[in-house]
Amino acid sequence: MNRFLKLAIVGLVASCGGGGNYKAPRNLDNACAIAAERPAYMRAMKATERRWGVPVHVQMATIHQESKFIGNARTPHQYALGLIPIGRQSSAYGYSQALDSTWDDYRKQTGNRRARRDNIRDATDFMGWYMNDSARVLGISKWDAASQYLAYHEGRSGFARGSHNSKPWLMNVAGKVQTRSEAYRSQLASCR
């Protein structure tokens, strides 16, 4: 009986391990490996593709860039004088790294008031909503991962002003998002 009680206590403590699985999948370079390890990710992204028309590979490449598939990702802290913490760089949080204000707009416009940024289904739906509007307002193809990423990063008005053009580092990142999107697309075609 004593042995059973110890096992029960260990099981209880282990089950209280706090929240969801926010760790990144093991192989972020392989879309098929991500799909196999996290089938819920694929279900969420396919639902977003059906609802908003944003291809799975574009979503995957953007999430990879924004959070590396870490559900509770946050921006780094800023420090005054290199020592004193003064808050985070922005309010970006979760898989999609959505800002508080943009997330609030999404929840109001879609009626999804309970949406959470650390929920993959909500995060991909947000991304689809945002990219769908970028396609509608700015004329960006939903298949153009680089331009969609630039509008996502800079905001639609920033993209329309061309703010990204004065940021060579950001243009480089957008190119990497495009390359990763194309790699994910060809991988997904072979693993289906």
N, C-alpha and C. Protein backbone atom coordinates (compact mmCIF):
# COMPACT_ATOMS: atom_id res chain seq x y z
N MET A 1 0.82 -1.19 0.00
CA MET A 1 0.00 0.00 0.00
C MET A 1 0.87 1.26 0.00
N ASN A 2 1.94 1.26 0.75
CA ASN A 2 2.83 2.40 0.82
C ASN A 2 3.42 2.70 -0.56
N ARG A 3 3.77 1.64 -1.29
CA ARG A 3 4.32 1.78 -2.63
C ARG A 3 3.28 2.39 -3.59
N PHE A 4 2.05 1.93 -3.47
CA PHE A 4 0.96 2.46 -4.29
C PHE A 4 0.73 3.95 -4.00
N LEU A 5 0.77 4.32 -2.75
CA LEU A 5 0.58 5.71 -2.35
C LEU A 5 1.67 6.60 -2.93
N LYS A 6 2.91 6.12 -2.92
CA LYS A 6 4.01 6.89 -3.48
C LYS A 6 3.83 7.09 -4.99
N LEU A 7 3.42 6.03 -5.68
CA LEU A 7 3.19 6.15 -7.12
C LEU A 7 2.05 7.12 -7.42
N ALA A 8 1.01 7.07 -6.61
CA ALA A 8 -0.12 7.97 -6.80
C ALA A 8 0.30 9.43 -6.60
N ILE A 9 1.13 9.68 -5.61
CA ILE A 9 1.60 11.04 -5.35
C ILE A 9 2.48 11.53 -6.50
N VAL A 10 3.37 10.67 -6.97
CA VAL A 10 4.24 11.03 -8.10
C VAL A 10 3.38 11.32 -9.33
N GLY A 11 2.38 10.50 -9.59
CA GLY A 11 1.49 10.72 -10.73
C GLY A 11 0.72 12.03 -10.61
N LEU A 12 0.25 12.33 -9.41
CA LEU A 12 -0.48 13.57 -9.18
C LEU A 12 0.41 14.79 -9.41
N VAL A 13 1.61 14.75 -8.87
CA VAL A 13 2.54 15.86 -9.04
C VAL A 13 2.89 16.04 -10.52
N ALA A 14 3.13 14.94 -11.21
CA ALA A 14 3.48 15.02 -12.64
C ALA A 14 2.33 15.59 -13.46
N SER A 15 1.10 15.28 -13.09
CA SER A 15 -0.04 15.78 -13.86
C SER A 15 -0.30 17.25 -13.62
N CYS A 16 0.27 17.83 -12.62
CA CYS A 16 0.09 19.25 -12.33
C CYS A 16 1.18 20.09 -12.97
N GLY A 17 1.82 19.56 -13.97
CA GLY A 17 2.98 20.20 -14.58
C GLY A 17 2.71 21.45 -15.37
N GLY A 18 1.59 22.06 -15.26
CA GLY A 18 1.36 23.39 -15.78
C GLY A 18 1.13 23.53 -17.27
N GLY A 19 -0.07 23.68 -17.71
CA GLY A 19 -0.40 24.16 -19.03
C GLY A 19 -0.07 23.28 -20.19
N GLY A 20 -0.07 23.90 -21.35
CA GLY A 20 0.11 23.17 -22.60
C GLY A 20 1.56 22.88 -22.92
N ASN A 21 1.73 22.19 -24.03
CA ASN A 21 3.06 21.87 -24.52
C ASN A 21 3.52 23.01 -25.41
N TYR A 22 4.31 23.91 -24.85
CA TYR A 22 4.74 25.09 -25.59
C TYR A 22 6.11 24.92 -26.22
N LYS A 23 6.72 23.78 -26.06
CA LYS A 23 8.04 23.55 -26.65
C LYS A 23 7.94 23.41 -28.16
N ALA A 24 9.02 23.80 -28.82
CA ALA A 24 9.07 23.68 -30.27
C ALA A 24 9.17 22.22 -30.69
N PRO A 25 8.63 21.88 -31.85
CA PRO A 25 8.85 20.53 -32.39
C PRO A 25 10.36 20.30 -32.57
N ARG A 26 10.74 19.04 -32.62
CA ARG A 26 12.17 18.70 -32.67
C ARG A 26 12.86 19.12 -33.96
N ASN A 27 12.22 18.94 -35.11
CA ASN A 27 12.88 19.23 -36.39
C ASN A 27 12.11 20.32 -37.13
N LEU A 28 12.53 21.56 -36.93
CA LEU A 28 11.83 22.70 -37.53
C LEU A 28 12.12 22.88 -39.01
N ASP A 29 13.09 22.14 -39.52
CA ASP A 29 13.44 22.27 -40.93
C ASP A 29 12.64 21.32 -41.83
N ASN A 30 11.81 20.47 -41.23
CA ASN A 30 11.09 19.48 -42.00
C ASN A 30 9.60 19.55 -41.69
N ALA A 31 8.83 20.02 -42.66
CA ALA A 31 7.39 20.17 -42.47
C ALA A 31 6.71 18.84 -42.16
N CYS A 32 7.18 17.77 -42.78
CA CYS A 32 6.58 16.45 -42.54
C CYS A 32 6.83 15.99 -41.10
N ALA A 33 8.02 16.29 -40.59
CA ALA A 33 8.34 15.92 -39.21
C ALA A 33 7.49 16.73 -38.23
N ILE A 34 7.27 18.01 -38.54
CA ILE A 34 6.41 18.83 -37.69
C ILE A 34 4.99 18.28 -37.70
N ALA A 35 4.50 17.94 -38.89
CA ALA A 35 3.15 17.40 -39.02
C ALA A 35 2.98 16.08 -38.27
N ALA A 36 4.02 15.24 -38.33
CA ALA A 36 3.95 13.94 -37.65
C ALA A 36 4.01 14.10 -36.13
N GLU A 37 4.85 15.03 -35.68
CA GLU A 37 5.02 15.22 -34.24
C GLU A 37 3.85 15.98 -33.62
N ARG A 38 3.29 16.92 -34.37
CA ARG A 38 2.21 17.76 -33.85
C ARG A 38 1.02 17.78 -34.82
N PRO A 39 0.26 16.69 -34.88
CA PRO A 39 -0.87 16.65 -35.81
C PRO A 39 -1.89 17.77 -35.55
N ALA A 40 -2.00 18.25 -34.32
CA ALA A 40 -2.93 19.35 -34.03
C ALA A 40 -2.52 20.62 -34.78
N TYR A 41 -1.22 20.81 -35.00
CA TYR A 41 -0.76 21.98 -35.76
C TYR A 41 -1.30 21.90 -37.17
N MET A 42 -1.19 20.73 -37.77
CA MET A 42 -1.65 20.58 -39.15
C MET A 42 -3.16 20.74 -39.26
N ARG A 43 -3.90 20.19 -38.30
CA ARG A 43 -5.35 20.37 -38.32
C ARG A 43 -5.72 21.85 -38.24
N ALA A 44 -5.02 22.58 -37.37
CA ALA A 44 -5.28 24.02 -37.22
C ALA A 44 -4.95 24.78 -38.49
N MET A 45 -3.81 24.48 -39.09
CA MET A 45 -3.39 25.21 -40.29
C MET A 45 -4.28 24.88 -41.49
N LYS A 46 -4.71 23.63 -41.59
CA LYS A 46 -5.62 23.27 -42.69
C LYS A 46 -6.97 23.94 -42.52
N ALA A 47 -7.45 24.06 -41.28
CA ALA A 47 -8.71 24.76 -41.02
C ALA A 47 -8.57 26.24 -41.41
N THR A 48 -7.43 26.82 -41.11
CA THR A 48 -7.18 28.22 -41.49
C THR A 48 -7.10 28.36 -43.00
N GLU A 49 -6.46 27.40 -43.67
CA GLU A 49 -6.39 27.44 -45.13
C GLU A 49 -7.79 27.38 -45.74
N ARG A 50 -8.64 26.51 -45.20
CA ARG A 50 -10.02 26.41 -45.71
C ARG A 50 -10.80 27.70 -45.46
N ARG A 51 -10.64 28.28 -44.27
CA ARG A 51 -11.42 29.47 -43.91
C ARG A 51 -10.93 30.74 -44.61
N TRP A 52 -9.61 30.94 -44.62
CA TRP A 52 -9.07 32.21 -45.09
C TRP A 52 -8.30 32.12 -46.41
N GLY A 53 -7.97 30.92 -46.85
CA GLY A 53 -7.26 30.76 -48.11
C GLY A 53 -5.75 30.94 -48.04
N VAL A 54 -5.21 31.02 -46.84
CA VAL A 54 -3.76 31.16 -46.68
C VAL A 54 -3.14 29.77 -46.63
N PRO A 55 -2.25 29.44 -47.57
CA PRO A 55 -1.68 28.09 -47.63
C PRO A 55 -0.94 27.70 -46.35
N VAL A 56 -0.99 26.42 -46.05
CA VAL A 56 -0.33 25.88 -44.85
C VAL A 56 1.15 26.25 -44.82
N HIS A 57 1.83 26.12 -45.94
CA HIS A 57 3.28 26.37 -45.94
C HIS A 57 3.61 27.83 -45.66
N VAL A 58 2.74 28.76 -46.05
CA VAL A 58 2.96 30.18 -45.74
C VAL A 58 2.76 30.41 -44.24
N GLN A 59 1.74 29.79 -43.67
CA GLN A 59 1.52 29.88 -42.23
C GLN A 59 2.71 29.31 -41.46
N MET A 60 3.16 28.14 -41.89
CA MET A 60 4.27 27.47 -41.19
C MET A 60 5.53 28.32 -41.22
N ALA A 61 5.86 28.88 -42.37
CA ALA A 61 7.08 29.68 -42.50
C ALA A 61 6.99 30.94 -41.63
N THR A 62 5.81 31.53 -41.56
CA THR A 62 5.64 32.74 -40.75
C THR A 62 5.72 32.40 -39.27
N ILE A 63 5.08 31.32 -38.85
CA ILE A 63 5.16 30.91 -37.44
C ILE A 63 6.60 30.55 -37.09
N HIS A 64 7.30 29.88 -37.98
CA HIS A 64 8.71 29.56 -37.72
C HIS A 64 9.50 30.84 -37.46
N GLN A 65 9.29 31.85 -38.30
CA GLN A 65 10.04 33.09 -38.13
C GLN A 65 9.64 33.84 -36.87
N GLU A 66 8.36 33.86 -36.58
CA GLU A 66 7.86 34.64 -35.45
C GLU A 66 8.16 34.01 -34.10
N SER A 67 7.96 32.70 -33.97
CA SER A 67 8.06 32.08 -32.63
C SER A 67 8.81 30.76 -32.59
N LYS A 68 9.26 30.28 -33.74
CA LYS A 68 9.87 28.94 -33.82
C LYS A 68 8.93 27.88 -33.26
N PHE A 69 7.62 28.09 -33.43
CA PHE A 69 6.58 27.16 -32.97
C PHE A 69 6.54 27.02 -31.45
N ILE A 70 6.98 28.05 -30.73
CA ILE A 70 6.92 28.05 -29.27
C ILE A 70 5.67 28.83 -28.88
N GLY A 71 4.74 28.14 -28.25
CA GLY A 71 3.41 28.70 -28.00
C GLY A 71 3.37 29.87 -27.05
N ASN A 72 4.31 29.96 -26.13
CA ASN A 72 4.29 31.07 -25.18
C ASN A 72 5.48 32.01 -25.40
N ALA A 73 5.94 32.11 -26.63
CA ALA A 73 7.08 32.97 -26.96
C ALA A 73 6.75 34.43 -26.67
N ARG A 74 7.73 35.15 -26.16
CA ARG A 74 7.61 36.59 -25.88
C ARG A 74 8.85 37.29 -26.40
N THR A 75 8.72 38.58 -26.62
CA THR A 75 9.89 39.36 -27.01
C THR A 75 10.82 39.51 -25.81
N PRO A 76 12.09 39.77 -26.06
CA PRO A 76 13.04 39.91 -24.94
C PRO A 76 12.74 41.15 -24.08
N HIS A 77 13.25 41.12 -22.86
CA HIS A 77 13.16 42.28 -21.98
C HIS A 77 14.11 43.37 -22.46
N GLN A 78 13.76 44.60 -22.17
CA GLN A 78 14.66 45.73 -22.39
C GLN A 78 15.22 46.15 -21.04
N TYR A 79 16.43 46.70 -21.07
CA TYR A 79 17.09 47.10 -19.83
C TYR A 79 17.62 48.52 -19.96
N ALA A 80 17.41 49.32 -18.91
CA ALA A 80 18.00 50.65 -18.83
C ALA A 80 19.38 50.50 -18.19
N LEU A 81 20.34 51.18 -18.75
CA LEU A 81 21.71 51.11 -18.26
C LEU A 81 22.26 49.68 -18.26
N GLY A 82 21.66 48.83 -19.05
CA GLY A 82 22.10 47.45 -19.13
C GLY A 82 21.76 46.59 -17.94
N LEU A 83 21.08 47.14 -16.94
CA LEU A 83 20.79 46.41 -15.70
C LEU A 83 19.33 46.40 -15.28
N ILE A 84 18.69 47.52 -15.41
CA ILE A 84 17.36 47.69 -14.84
C ILE A 84 16.30 47.28 -15.86
N PRO A 85 15.53 46.22 -15.57
CA PRO A 85 14.49 45.80 -16.52
C PRO A 85 13.40 46.86 -16.62
N ILE A 86 13.04 47.21 -17.87
CA ILE A 86 12.01 48.24 -18.08
C ILE A 86 10.85 47.71 -18.93
N GLY A 87 10.74 46.42 -19.05
CA GLY A 87 9.64 45.83 -19.80
C GLY A 87 10.12 45.14 -21.06
N ARG A 88 9.19 44.58 -21.77
CA ARG A 88 9.50 43.86 -23.01
C ARG A 88 9.53 44.82 -24.19
N GLN A 89 10.14 44.37 -25.27
CA GLN A 89 10.24 45.19 -26.47
C GLN A 89 8.87 45.52 -27.05
N SER A 90 7.94 44.59 -26.93
CA SER A 90 6.57 44.82 -27.41
C SER A 90 5.64 43.85 -26.69
N SER A 91 4.36 43.97 -26.99
CA SER A 91 3.37 43.08 -26.37
C SER A 91 3.18 41.79 -27.16
N ALA A 92 4.01 41.56 -28.18
CA ALA A 92 3.89 40.35 -29.00
C ALA A 92 3.99 39.10 -28.13
N TYR A 93 3.11 38.14 -28.43
CA TYR A 93 3.06 36.92 -27.61
C TYR A 93 2.52 35.77 -28.44
N GLY A 94 2.96 34.58 -28.11
CA GLY A 94 2.39 33.36 -28.65
C GLY A 94 2.98 32.92 -29.98
N TYR A 95 2.34 31.91 -30.57
CA TYR A 95 2.80 31.35 -31.84
C TYR A 95 2.91 32.42 -32.92
N SER A 96 1.92 33.29 -32.99
CA SER A 96 1.86 34.28 -34.08
C SER A 96 2.54 35.59 -33.73
N GLN A 97 2.96 35.75 -32.48
CA GLN A 97 3.56 36.99 -32.01
C GLN A 97 2.67 38.20 -32.29
N ALA A 98 1.39 38.01 -32.10
CA ALA A 98 0.42 39.09 -32.30
C ALA A 98 0.54 40.11 -31.17
N LEU A 99 0.46 41.38 -31.52
CA LEU A 99 0.45 42.45 -30.54
C LEU A 99 -0.91 42.51 -29.86
N ASP A 100 -0.94 43.03 -28.64
CA ASP A 100 -2.20 43.13 -27.89
C ASP A 100 -3.29 43.81 -28.71
N SER A 101 -2.99 44.96 -29.30
CA SER A 101 -4.02 45.74 -30.00
C SER A 101 -4.53 45.01 -31.24
N THR A 102 -3.65 44.36 -31.98
CA THR A 102 -4.08 43.64 -33.18
C THR A 102 -4.88 42.40 -32.79
N TRP A 103 -4.46 41.74 -31.72
CA TRP A 103 -5.19 40.58 -31.22
C TRP A 103 -6.60 40.98 -30.79
N ASP A 104 -6.71 42.12 -30.13
CA ASP A 104 -8.03 42.61 -29.71
C ASP A 104 -8.91 42.89 -30.93
N ASP A 105 -8.33 43.49 -31.98
CA ASP A 105 -9.08 43.73 -33.22
C ASP A 105 -9.58 42.42 -33.80
N TYR A 106 -8.72 41.41 -33.84
CA TYR A 106 -9.09 40.09 -34.37
C TYR A 106 -10.26 39.50 -33.58
N ARG A 107 -10.15 39.54 -32.26
CA ARG A 107 -11.21 38.96 -31.42
C ARG A 107 -12.54 39.68 -31.62
N LYS A 108 -12.50 40.99 -31.75
CA LYS A 108 -13.74 41.76 -31.97
C LYS A 108 -14.32 41.46 -33.35
N GLN A 109 -13.49 41.51 -34.37
CA GLN A 109 -14.00 41.36 -35.74
C GLN A 109 -14.48 39.95 -36.05
N THR A 110 -13.86 38.94 -35.43
CA THR A 110 -14.26 37.56 -35.71
C THR A 110 -15.27 37.03 -34.69
N GLY A 111 -15.48 37.75 -33.60
CA GLY A 111 -16.37 37.28 -32.55
C GLY A 111 -15.77 36.17 -31.71
N ASN A 112 -14.49 35.91 -31.89
CA ASN A 112 -13.79 34.85 -31.16
C ASN A 112 -13.18 35.45 -29.88
N ARG A 113 -14.03 35.85 -28.96
CA ARG A 113 -13.62 36.58 -27.76
C ARG A 113 -12.74 35.76 -26.82
N ARG A 114 -12.85 34.45 -26.88
CA ARG A 114 -12.05 33.59 -25.99
C ARG A 114 -10.72 33.15 -26.60
N ALA A 115 -10.40 33.65 -27.77
CA ALA A 115 -9.17 33.25 -28.46
C ALA A 115 -7.95 33.57 -27.61
N ARG A 116 -6.98 32.65 -27.68
CA ARG A 116 -5.72 32.81 -26.93
C ARG A 116 -4.55 32.69 -27.89
N ARG A 117 -3.56 33.54 -27.71
CA ARG A 117 -2.40 33.55 -28.59
C ARG A 117 -1.52 32.32 -28.41
N ASP A 118 -1.65 31.63 -27.28
CA ASP A 118 -0.84 30.43 -27.06
C ASP A 118 -1.59 29.16 -27.45
N ASN A 119 -2.70 29.32 -28.17
CA ASN A 119 -3.46 28.19 -28.71
C ASN A 119 -3.22 28.15 -30.21
N ILE A 120 -2.70 27.05 -30.72
CA ILE A 120 -2.31 26.98 -32.13
C ILE A 120 -3.49 27.23 -33.06
N ARG A 121 -4.66 26.74 -32.73
CA ARG A 121 -5.83 26.94 -33.60
C ARG A 121 -6.19 28.43 -33.67
N ASP A 122 -6.18 29.10 -32.53
CA ASP A 122 -6.49 30.53 -32.51
C ASP A 122 -5.39 31.33 -33.21
N ALA A 123 -4.14 30.96 -32.98
CA ALA A 123 -3.01 31.69 -33.57
C ALA A 123 -3.00 31.58 -35.09
N THR A 124 -3.27 30.39 -35.61
CA THR A 124 -3.29 30.25 -37.07
C THR A 124 -4.51 30.94 -37.67
N ASP A 125 -5.64 30.90 -36.97
CA ASP A 125 -6.82 31.60 -37.45
C ASP A 125 -6.56 33.11 -37.50
N PHE A 126 -5.90 33.63 -36.48
CA PHE A 126 -5.51 35.04 -36.47
C PHE A 126 -4.64 35.35 -37.69
N MET A 127 -3.65 34.50 -37.92
CA MET A 127 -2.74 34.72 -39.04
C MET A 127 -3.50 34.71 -40.37
N GLY A 128 -4.42 33.78 -40.52
CA GLY A 128 -5.22 33.73 -41.73
C GLY A 128 -6.08 34.97 -41.89
N TRP A 129 -6.70 35.41 -40.81
CA TRP A 129 -7.50 36.63 -40.81
C TRP A 129 -6.66 37.82 -41.24
N TYR A 130 -5.48 37.95 -40.65
CA TYR A 130 -4.61 39.09 -40.95
C TYR A 130 -4.14 39.06 -42.40
N MET A 131 -3.67 37.90 -42.86
CA MET A 131 -3.15 37.78 -44.21
C MET A 131 -4.26 37.91 -45.26
N ASN A 132 -5.45 37.45 -44.94
CA ASN A 132 -6.59 37.62 -45.84
C ASN A 132 -6.88 39.11 -46.03
N ASP A 133 -6.86 39.87 -44.94
CA ASP A 133 -7.07 41.31 -45.05
C ASP A 133 -5.93 42.00 -45.80
N SER A 134 -4.71 41.52 -45.62
CA SER A 134 -3.58 42.08 -46.37
C SER A 134 -3.76 41.83 -47.86
N ALA A 135 -4.28 40.68 -48.21
CA ALA A 135 -4.55 40.38 -49.62
C ALA A 135 -5.65 41.30 -50.14
N ARG A 136 -6.69 41.49 -49.35
CA ARG A 136 -7.82 42.32 -49.77
C ARG A 136 -7.44 43.79 -49.86
N VAL A 137 -6.76 44.31 -48.84
CA VAL A 137 -6.45 45.74 -48.76
C VAL A 137 -5.24 46.12 -49.61
N LEU A 138 -4.21 45.28 -49.60
CA LEU A 138 -2.95 45.63 -50.26
C LEU A 138 -2.72 44.90 -51.58
N GLY A 139 -3.56 43.90 -51.85
CA GLY A 139 -3.39 43.14 -53.09
C GLY A 139 -2.25 42.14 -53.06
N ILE A 140 -1.81 41.74 -51.87
CA ILE A 140 -0.72 40.78 -51.74
C ILE A 140 -1.27 39.37 -51.90
N SER A 141 -0.68 38.59 -52.77
CA SER A 141 -1.09 37.20 -52.94
C SER A 141 -0.91 36.45 -51.62
N LYS A 142 -1.87 35.58 -51.32
CA LYS A 142 -1.77 34.76 -50.11
C LYS A 142 -0.65 33.73 -50.21
N TRP A 143 -0.14 33.52 -51.40
CA TRP A 143 0.97 32.58 -51.63
C TRP A 143 2.32 33.27 -51.55
N ASP A 144 2.35 34.59 -51.50
CA ASP A 144 3.58 35.37 -51.46
C ASP A 144 4.03 35.52 -50.01
N ALA A 145 4.77 34.54 -49.53
CA ALA A 145 5.17 34.51 -48.11
C ALA A 145 6.00 35.72 -47.72
N ALA A 146 6.90 36.16 -48.60
CA ALA A 146 7.78 37.29 -48.27
C ALA A 146 6.97 38.57 -48.07
N SER A 147 6.11 38.91 -49.02
CA SER A 147 5.33 40.14 -48.91
C SER A 147 4.30 40.06 -47.78
N GLN A 148 3.69 38.89 -47.62
CA GLN A 148 2.75 38.72 -46.50
C GLN A 148 3.49 38.92 -45.17
N TYR A 149 4.72 38.38 -45.08
CA TYR A 149 5.49 38.54 -43.85
C TYR A 149 5.82 40.02 -43.60
N LEU A 150 6.21 40.73 -44.65
CA LEU A 150 6.54 42.15 -44.50
C LEU A 150 5.32 42.94 -44.01
N ALA A 151 4.15 42.67 -44.57
CA ALA A 151 2.94 43.35 -44.12
C ALA A 151 2.58 42.94 -42.69
N TYR A 152 2.85 41.70 -42.35
CA TYR A 152 2.59 41.18 -41.01
C TYR A 152 3.51 41.88 -40.01
N HIS A 153 4.78 42.02 -40.36
CA HIS A 153 5.78 42.60 -39.47
C HIS A 153 5.61 44.12 -39.32
N GLU A 154 5.42 44.79 -40.43
CA GLU A 154 5.38 46.25 -40.44
C GLU A 154 3.99 46.82 -40.22
N GLY A 155 2.97 45.96 -40.30
CA GLY A 155 1.60 46.44 -40.29
C GLY A 155 1.23 46.86 -41.71
N ARG A 156 -0.06 46.83 -42.00
CA ARG A 156 -0.48 47.14 -43.37
C ARG A 156 -0.14 48.56 -43.79
N SER A 157 -0.31 49.52 -42.88
CA SER A 157 0.00 50.91 -43.26
C SER A 157 1.50 51.09 -43.45
N GLY A 158 2.31 50.43 -42.63
CA GLY A 158 3.76 50.49 -42.80
C GLY A 158 4.19 49.88 -44.13
N PHE A 159 3.59 48.75 -44.46
CA PHE A 159 3.89 48.10 -45.74
C PHE A 159 3.49 49.01 -46.90
N ALA A 160 2.30 49.62 -46.80
CA ALA A 160 1.82 50.50 -47.87
C ALA A 160 2.75 51.71 -48.06
N ARG A 161 3.32 52.20 -46.95
CA ARG A 161 4.27 53.31 -47.02
C ARG A 161 5.64 52.86 -47.51
N GLY A 162 5.90 51.55 -47.50
CA GLY A 162 7.20 51.04 -47.92
C GLY A 162 8.25 51.11 -46.83
N SER A 163 7.82 51.10 -45.56
CA SER A 163 8.77 51.22 -44.45
C SER A 163 9.81 50.09 -44.45
N HIS A 164 9.44 48.95 -45.00
CA HIS A 164 10.35 47.80 -45.04
C HIS A 164 11.53 48.04 -45.99
N ASN A 165 11.35 48.91 -46.97
CA ASN A 165 12.40 49.13 -47.96
C ASN A 165 13.66 49.77 -47.38
N SER A 166 13.53 50.45 -46.26
CA SER A 166 14.70 51.07 -45.62
C SER A 166 15.31 50.17 -44.54
N LYS A 167 14.90 48.92 -44.52
CA LYS A 167 15.39 47.97 -43.51
C LYS A 167 15.96 46.73 -44.20
N PRO A 168 17.23 46.80 -44.61
CA PRO A 168 17.82 45.65 -45.32
C PRO A 168 17.75 44.35 -44.51
N TRP A 169 17.90 44.43 -43.21
CA TRP A 169 17.84 43.24 -42.37
C TRP A 169 16.46 42.58 -42.47
N LEU A 170 15.40 43.41 -42.54
CA LEU A 170 14.04 42.88 -42.62
C LEU A 170 13.78 42.27 -44.00
N MET A 171 14.30 42.89 -45.03
CA MET A 171 14.16 42.33 -46.38
C MET A 171 14.85 40.97 -46.45
N ASN A 172 15.99 40.85 -45.77
CA ASN A 172 16.70 39.57 -45.70
C ASN A 172 15.86 38.51 -44.98
N VAL A 173 15.24 38.90 -43.87
CA VAL A 173 14.38 37.98 -43.13
C VAL A 173 13.20 37.54 -44.00
N ALA A 174 12.59 38.48 -44.72
CA ALA A 174 11.46 38.15 -45.58
C ALA A 174 11.87 37.16 -46.67
N GLY A 175 13.09 37.32 -47.18
CA GLY A 175 13.61 36.36 -48.17
C GLY A 175 13.75 34.98 -47.57
N LYS A 176 14.19 34.92 -46.32
CA LYS A 176 14.31 33.62 -45.64
C LYS A 176 12.94 32.99 -45.41
N VAL A 177 11.96 33.81 -45.08
CA VAL A 177 10.59 33.30 -44.89
C VAL A 177 10.09 32.72 -46.21
N GLN A 178 10.34 33.41 -47.31
CA GLN A 178 9.93 32.91 -48.63
C GLN A 178 10.60 31.58 -48.95
N THR A 179 11.91 31.50 -48.72
CA THR A 179 12.66 30.27 -48.99
C THR A 179 12.14 29.12 -48.15
N ARG A 180 11.89 29.38 -46.87
CA ARG A 180 11.37 28.34 -45.98
C ARG A 180 9.97 27.92 -46.41
N SER A 181 9.16 28.87 -46.82
CA SER A 181 7.82 28.56 -47.28
C SER A 181 7.87 27.62 -48.48
N GLU A 182 8.74 27.90 -49.43
CA GLU A 182 8.87 27.04 -50.61
C GLU A 182 9.37 25.66 -50.23
N ALA A 183 10.31 25.59 -49.29
CA ALA A 183 10.81 24.28 -48.84
C ALA A 183 9.68 23.50 -48.16
N TYR A 184 8.94 24.16 -47.27
CA TYR A 184 7.82 23.51 -46.60
C TYR A 184 6.78 23.02 -47.62
N ARG A 185 6.51 23.82 -48.65
CA ARG A 185 5.52 23.44 -49.65
C ARG A 185 5.93 22.15 -50.35
N SER A 186 7.18 22.07 -50.78
CA SER A 186 7.62 20.86 -51.47
C SER A 186 7.68 19.66 -50.51
N GLN A 187 8.05 19.88 -49.27
CA GLN A 187 8.06 18.79 -48.29
C GLN A 187 6.65 18.27 -48.04
N LEU A 188 5.71 19.19 -47.85
CA LEU A 188 4.33 18.78 -47.58
C LEU A 188 3.73 18.00 -48.75
N ALA A 189 4.11 18.37 -49.97
CA ALA A 189 3.61 17.66 -51.14
C ALA A 189 4.11 16.21 -51.16
N SER A 190 5.29 15.97 -50.61
CA SER A 190 5.84 14.61 -50.63
C SER A 190 5.41 13.77 -49.44
N CYS A 191 4.94 14.39 -48.35
CA CYS A 191 4.60 13.59 -47.17
C CYS A 191 3.11 13.36 -47.02
N ARG A 192 2.31 13.96 -47.88
CA ARG A 192 0.86 13.76 -47.78
C ARG A 192 0.57 12.39 -48.21
